[in-house]
Amino acid sequence: MTIVDAWIQHPTAKFLRNPMFESLRRWTGVLEVPDEIPLSFTIDALKAAGVGRALVSAWYGPEGALISNDEVAAQVRGAPELLVGVASVDLARPMDAVRELRRAVRELGMRALRVLPWLWNLPPNDRRYYPLYAECIELGIPFCLQVGHAGPLRPSEPGRPIPYLDEVALEFPELVIVGGHIGYPWTDEMVSLATKYPNVYIDTSAYKPKRYPAALREYLRGHGRRKVLFGSNFPMLTPAACLAEVGELGLDEEARGMFVGGNAARVFGL
């Protein structure tokens, strides 16, 4: 079984030094950010955990690109057997965003789109997302987002699954949606959406298994075994630290295989 990490980013100095990540730097004990972070930093962390494929994400916010699509494409070229690119776009200009998404998929080889509602302070049922949902369906790629509270110093309300993501899944039944960061403290809402809609999934990035709420653990062991994807959110957490606790979830062999790799391979077409 190939282990797939559904959400990582290769950190750049510009990315890590952004003031909104002050809380995350404090939690992780990062006191100084080096001027250059080689790609080997991320590759070594993935290989140490036995990860075979990792979805590496671009980041775009109101101030522009924190990690551009072209930077991610260059990272993928540096380790094509390991890394899979995930695009991001400027939500403030929807048609430019659609054109950039097309370029990212058709020319750069990206396999999904990720937009972070907390970064824009716009929930996913905002009108500015809708052209992108239609384009994701046409391109045959998943739409990925963060669900739950915002770790950075931004409002959390846009990450609440119900009613915002519920409306999107209802209006775009063909859209494959992956909600990252488990939805806490609204994990029950996220589990309910993944249960309700065939094309809604959860990824566990930003949480070690010991911190998964009981509702998610039960879902993983039972009828949600095909709906939950392993993720680390590296460099916030290392995949090795997350995978080390998977055994404590009480998963049978089938559920474990789907969780750590099979579901992501299916959802992202790997």
Protein backbone atom coordinates (compact mmCIF):
# COMPACT_ATOMS: atom_id res chain seq x y z
CA MET A 1 0.00 0.00 0.00
CA THR A 2 1.37 3.40 -1.03
CA ILE A 3 0.96 5.96 1.74
CA VAL A 4 -0.49 9.24 0.44
CA ASP A 5 -0.30 12.50 2.38
CA ALA A 6 -3.27 14.55 1.20
CA TRP A 7 -2.05 17.96 2.40
CA ILE A 8 1.45 19.32 2.66
CA GLN A 9 3.22 22.46 1.57
CA HIS A 10 6.91 22.95 0.97
CA PRO A 11 7.56 26.02 3.11
CA THR A 12 9.38 29.03 1.78
CA ALA A 13 10.85 31.75 3.99
CA LYS A 14 8.26 34.22 2.67
CA PHE A 15 5.48 31.83 3.58
CA LEU A 16 6.69 30.99 7.09
CA ARG A 17 7.48 34.61 7.99
CA ASN A 18 3.99 35.87 7.24
CA PRO A 19 2.68 37.56 10.42
CA MET A 20 -0.58 35.58 10.35
CA PHE A 21 1.40 32.42 11.13
CA GLU A 22 2.74 33.79 14.42
CA SER A 23 0.44 31.49 16.38
CA LEU A 24 1.61 28.43 14.41
CA ARG A 25 5.27 29.33 14.85
CA ARG A 26 4.63 29.65 18.57
CA TRP A 27 2.86 26.27 18.78
CA THR A 28 5.57 24.47 16.83
CA GLY A 29 8.49 26.21 18.55
CA VAL A 30 9.91 27.74 15.36
CA LEU A 31 11.88 30.73 16.62
CA GLU A 32 13.90 31.55 13.50
CA VAL A 33 13.13 30.99 9.84
CA PRO A 34 16.13 30.37 7.55
CA ASP A 35 16.47 32.43 4.38
CA GLU A 36 16.46 29.32 2.19
CA ILE A 37 14.63 26.03 2.77
CA PRO A 38 15.80 23.37 0.30
CA LEU A 39 13.28 20.99 -1.25
CA SER A 40 15.22 18.17 0.39
CA PHE A 41 13.82 19.36 3.76
CA THR A 42 10.34 18.28 2.67
CA ILE A 43 11.42 15.24 0.66
CA ASP A 44 13.42 13.83 3.57
CA ALA A 45 10.47 14.25 5.95
CA LEU A 46 8.15 12.40 3.57
CA LYS A 47 10.59 9.57 2.91
CA ALA A 48 11.34 9.17 6.62
CA ALA A 49 7.64 8.44 7.13
CA GLY A 50 7.40 6.05 4.18
CA VAL A 51 5.09 8.40 2.25
CA GLY A 52 4.92 7.44 -1.41
CA ARG A 53 2.93 10.39 -2.78
CA ALA A 54 2.14 13.81 -1.28
CA LEU A 55 -0.24 16.54 -2.45
CA VAL A 56 1.81 19.75 -2.24
CA SER A 57 -0.20 22.95 -2.23
CA ALA A 58 0.08 26.47 -3.57
CA TRP A 59 -1.32 29.33 -1.48
CA TYR A 60 -3.06 32.47 -2.73
CA GLY A 61 -4.66 35.11 -0.50
CA PRO A 62 -5.92 38.68 -0.79
CA GLU A 63 -2.35 39.94 -0.76
CA GLY A 64 -1.36 37.69 -3.65
CA ALA A 65 0.66 34.49 -3.89
CA LEU A 66 2.25 33.18 -0.73
CA ILE A 67 3.38 30.09 -2.66
CA SER A 68 2.63 30.41 -6.38
CA ASN A 69 1.47 27.71 -8.76
CA ASP A 70 4.71 28.02 -10.68
CA GLU A 71 6.71 27.50 -7.48
CA VAL A 72 4.74 24.34 -6.75
CA ALA A 73 5.20 23.12 -10.32
CA ALA A 74 8.96 23.57 -9.88
CA GLN A 75 8.81 21.58 -6.62
CA VAL A 76 6.98 18.77 -8.38
CA ARG A 77 9.59 18.73 -11.13
CA GLY A 78 12.21 18.31 -8.38
CA ALA A 79 10.57 15.10 -7.13
CA PRO A 80 8.00 13.96 -9.72
CA GLU A 81 7.75 10.44 -8.35
CA LEU A 82 6.78 11.79 -4.92
CA LEU A 83 5.02 15.15 -5.22
CA VAL A 84 1.64 15.97 -6.80
CA GLY A 85 0.72 19.62 -7.34
CA VAL A 86 -2.37 21.31 -5.93
CA ALA A 87 -3.23 24.70 -7.42
CA SER A 88 -4.57 27.81 -5.75
CA VAL A 89 -5.94 31.04 -7.25
CA ASP A 90 -6.89 34.65 -6.54
CA LEU A 91 -10.51 34.47 -5.42
CA ALA A 92 -11.03 38.24 -5.77
CA ARG A 93 -10.95 38.03 -9.58
CA PRO A 94 -13.08 35.01 -10.47
CA MET A 95 -12.54 34.91 -14.24
CA ASP A 96 -8.80 35.43 -13.91
CA ALA A 97 -8.92 32.68 -11.30
CA VAL A 98 -10.66 30.34 -13.73
CA ARG A 99 -8.05 31.04 -16.40
CA GLU A 100 -5.22 30.47 -13.93
CA LEU A 101 -6.80 27.20 -12.79
CA ARG A 102 -6.99 26.01 -16.39
CA ARG A 103 -3.33 26.90 -16.90
CA ALA A 104 -2.31 25.21 -13.67
CA VAL A 105 -4.05 21.98 -14.61
CA ARG A 106 -3.44 21.85 -18.38
CA GLU A 107 0.07 23.29 -18.51
CA LEU A 108 1.52 22.70 -15.03
CA GLY A 109 -0.10 19.35 -14.34
CA MET A 110 -1.90 20.25 -11.11
CA ARG A 111 -4.35 17.61 -9.85
CA ALA A 112 -6.65 19.65 -7.57
CA LEU A 113 -7.58 23.16 -6.47
CA ARG A 114 -7.31 24.39 -2.88
CA VAL A 115 -8.79 27.62 -1.50
CA LEU A 116 -8.76 28.47 2.22
CA PRO A 117 -11.95 30.21 3.39
CA TRP A 118 -10.30 31.66 6.51
CA LEU A 119 -7.58 33.27 4.39
CA TRP A 120 -10.22 35.19 2.42
CA ASN A 121 -12.75 35.52 5.24
CA LEU A 122 -15.28 34.20 2.72
CA PRO A 123 -17.23 30.96 3.33
CA PRO A 124 -17.37 28.50 0.43
CA ASN A 125 -20.96 29.41 -0.51
CA ASP A 126 -19.80 32.91 -1.50
CA ARG A 127 -20.54 33.75 -5.15
CA ARG A 128 -16.84 34.22 -5.95
CA TYR A 129 -16.17 30.49 -5.60
CA TYR A 130 -18.90 29.35 -7.95
CA PRO A 131 -17.12 29.77 -11.33
CA LEU A 132 -14.27 27.72 -9.86
CA TYR A 133 -16.59 24.92 -8.81
CA ALA A 134 -17.92 24.69 -12.36
CA GLU A 135 -14.38 24.67 -13.76
CA CYS A 136 -13.23 21.95 -11.32
CA ILE A 137 -16.08 19.78 -12.57
CA GLU A 138 -15.15 20.44 -16.21
CA LEU A 139 -11.47 19.71 -15.52
CA GLY A 140 -12.29 16.60 -13.48
CA ILE A 141 -10.36 17.67 -10.37
CA PRO A 142 -11.31 17.85 -6.68
CA PHE A 143 -11.90 21.09 -4.83
CA CYS A 144 -10.03 21.15 -1.52
CA LEU A 145 -10.53 23.55 1.36
CA GLN A 146 -10.00 23.95 5.08
CA VAL A 147 -12.88 23.19 7.41
CA GLY A 148 -13.00 23.97 11.13
CA HIS A 149 -11.38 26.69 13.17
CA ALA A 150 -8.54 28.80 11.81
CA GLY A 151 -5.18 28.12 13.44
CA PRO A 152 -3.68 31.38 12.15
CA LEU A 153 -4.89 34.66 13.59
CA ARG A 154 -7.97 34.94 11.37
CA PRO A 155 -11.73 34.43 11.91
CA SER A 156 -12.92 30.82 12.06
CA GLU A 157 -16.57 31.17 11.03
CA PRO A 158 -15.92 30.69 7.25
CA GLY A 159 -14.66 27.18 8.09
CA ARG A 160 -17.94 25.97 9.60
CA PRO A 161 -19.26 23.09 7.43
CA ILE A 162 -22.99 23.74 7.96
CA PRO A 163 -24.56 25.75 6.37
CA TYR A 164 -21.77 26.93 4.07
CA LEU A 165 -20.25 23.76 2.61
CA ASP A 166 -23.59 21.97 2.86
CA GLU A 167 -25.05 24.43 0.34
CA VAL A 168 -22.12 23.95 -2.06
CA ALA A 169 -22.39 20.15 -2.00
CA LEU A 170 -26.13 20.38 -2.57
CA GLU A 171 -25.83 22.77 -5.51
CA PHE A 172 -22.82 21.05 -7.14
CA PRO A 173 -23.42 17.30 -6.70
CA GLU A 174 -20.76 16.48 -9.32
CA LEU A 175 -18.05 18.42 -7.47
CA VAL A 176 -15.59 16.28 -5.51
CA ILE A 177 -14.92 18.13 -2.24
CA VAL A 178 -12.15 17.37 0.25
CA GLY A 179 -12.46 19.18 3.58
CA GLY A 180 -9.09 19.35 5.31
CA HIS A 181 -8.32 19.75 9.04
CA ILE A 182 -11.27 17.52 10.15
CA GLY A 183 -13.68 20.39 10.83
CA TYR A 184 -12.95 20.74 14.55
CA PRO A 185 -14.80 21.96 16.65
CA TRP A 186 -17.57 21.13 14.15
CA THR A 187 -16.32 17.64 13.29
CA ASP A 188 -19.79 16.15 13.73
CA GLU A 189 -21.03 18.53 11.03
CA MET A 190 -18.25 17.49 8.67
CA VAL A 191 -18.91 13.80 9.28
CA SER A 192 -22.59 14.40 8.57
CA LEU A 193 -21.76 16.02 5.21
CA ALA A 194 -19.39 13.22 4.21
CA THR A 195 -22.14 10.77 5.10
CA LYS A 196 -24.85 12.73 3.27
CA TYR A 197 -23.02 13.46 0.00
CA PRO A 198 -21.24 10.81 -2.11
CA ASN A 199 -18.57 13.28 -3.30
CA VAL A 200 -17.66 14.89 0.05
CA TYR A 201 -14.53 13.66 1.84
CA ILE A 202 -12.52 14.59 4.94
CA ASP A 203 -8.75 14.81 5.29
CA THR A 204 -7.08 14.67 8.69
CA SER A 205 -4.29 17.19 8.10
CA ALA A 206 -3.17 19.34 11.06
CA TYR A 207 -4.21 16.71 13.62
CA LYS A 208 -2.44 13.67 15.05
CA PRO A 209 -4.68 10.61 15.50
CA LYS A 210 -4.68 10.99 19.29
CA ARG A 211 -6.53 14.29 18.80
CA TYR A 212 -9.20 13.00 16.42
CA PRO A 213 -12.63 13.49 18.00
CA ALA A 214 -14.59 10.34 18.88
CA ALA A 215 -17.05 10.95 16.03
CA LEU A 216 -14.26 10.83 13.44
CA ARG A 217 -12.68 7.72 14.98
CA GLU A 218 -16.01 5.90 14.88
CA TYR A 219 -16.63 7.05 11.30
CA LEU A 220 -13.20 5.80 10.21
CA ARG A 221 -13.78 2.38 11.73
CA GLY A 222 -17.24 1.98 10.23
CA HIS A 223 -19.18 3.25 7.23
CA GLY A 224 -16.80 6.18 6.67
CA ARG A 225 -13.79 4.04 5.86
CA ARG A 226 -13.95 5.11 2.20
CA LYS A 227 -14.43 8.82 3.00
CA VAL A 228 -11.43 9.87 5.12
CA LEU A 229 -7.94 10.68 3.79
CA PHE A 230 -4.71 10.83 5.76
CA GLY A 231 -2.94 14.20 5.80
CA SER A 232 -0.25 15.85 7.90
CA ASN A 233 -0.21 19.56 6.96
CA PHE A 234 3.59 19.42 6.89
CA PRO A 235 5.56 21.38 8.06
CA MET A 236 3.11 22.09 10.89
CA LEU A 237 3.20 18.36 11.71
CA THR A 238 5.51 15.72 10.31
CA PRO A 239 3.88 12.78 8.55
CA ALA A 240 6.01 10.42 10.65
CA ALA A 241 4.56 11.79 13.89
CA CYS A 242 1.01 11.44 12.54
CA LEU A 243 1.48 7.95 11.11
CA ALA A 244 3.06 6.73 14.34
CA GLU A 245 -0.34 7.06 16.05
CA VAL A 246 -2.52 5.45 13.37
CA GLY A 247 -2.34 2.10 15.17
CA GLU A 248 -4.24 3.60 18.09
CA LEU A 249 -7.35 4.19 15.94
CA GLY A 250 -8.39 0.54 16.07
CA LEU A 251 -8.77 0.21 12.30
CA ASP A 252 -9.02 -3.16 10.61
CA GLU A 253 -6.66 -3.89 7.71
CA GLU A 254 -9.09 -2.70 5.04
CA ALA A 255 -9.93 0.56 6.80
CA ARG A 256 -6.27 1.31 7.54
CA GLY A 257 -5.25 0.76 3.92
CA MET A 258 -7.99 3.03 2.63
CA PHE A 259 -7.22 5.71 5.20
CA VAL A 260 -3.45 5.97 4.71
CA GLY A 261 -3.47 5.77 0.93
CA GLY A 262 -6.29 4.08 -0.93
CA ASN A 263 -8.90 6.80 -0.55
CA ALA A 264 -6.56 9.61 -1.60
CA ALA A 265 -5.31 7.59 -4.58
CA ARG A 266 -8.91 7.17 -5.75
CA VAL A 267 -10.07 10.72 -5.06
CA PHE A 268 -7.07 12.42 -6.71
CA GLY A 269 -6.69 9.89 -9.52
CA LEU A 270 -3.21 8.77 -8.51
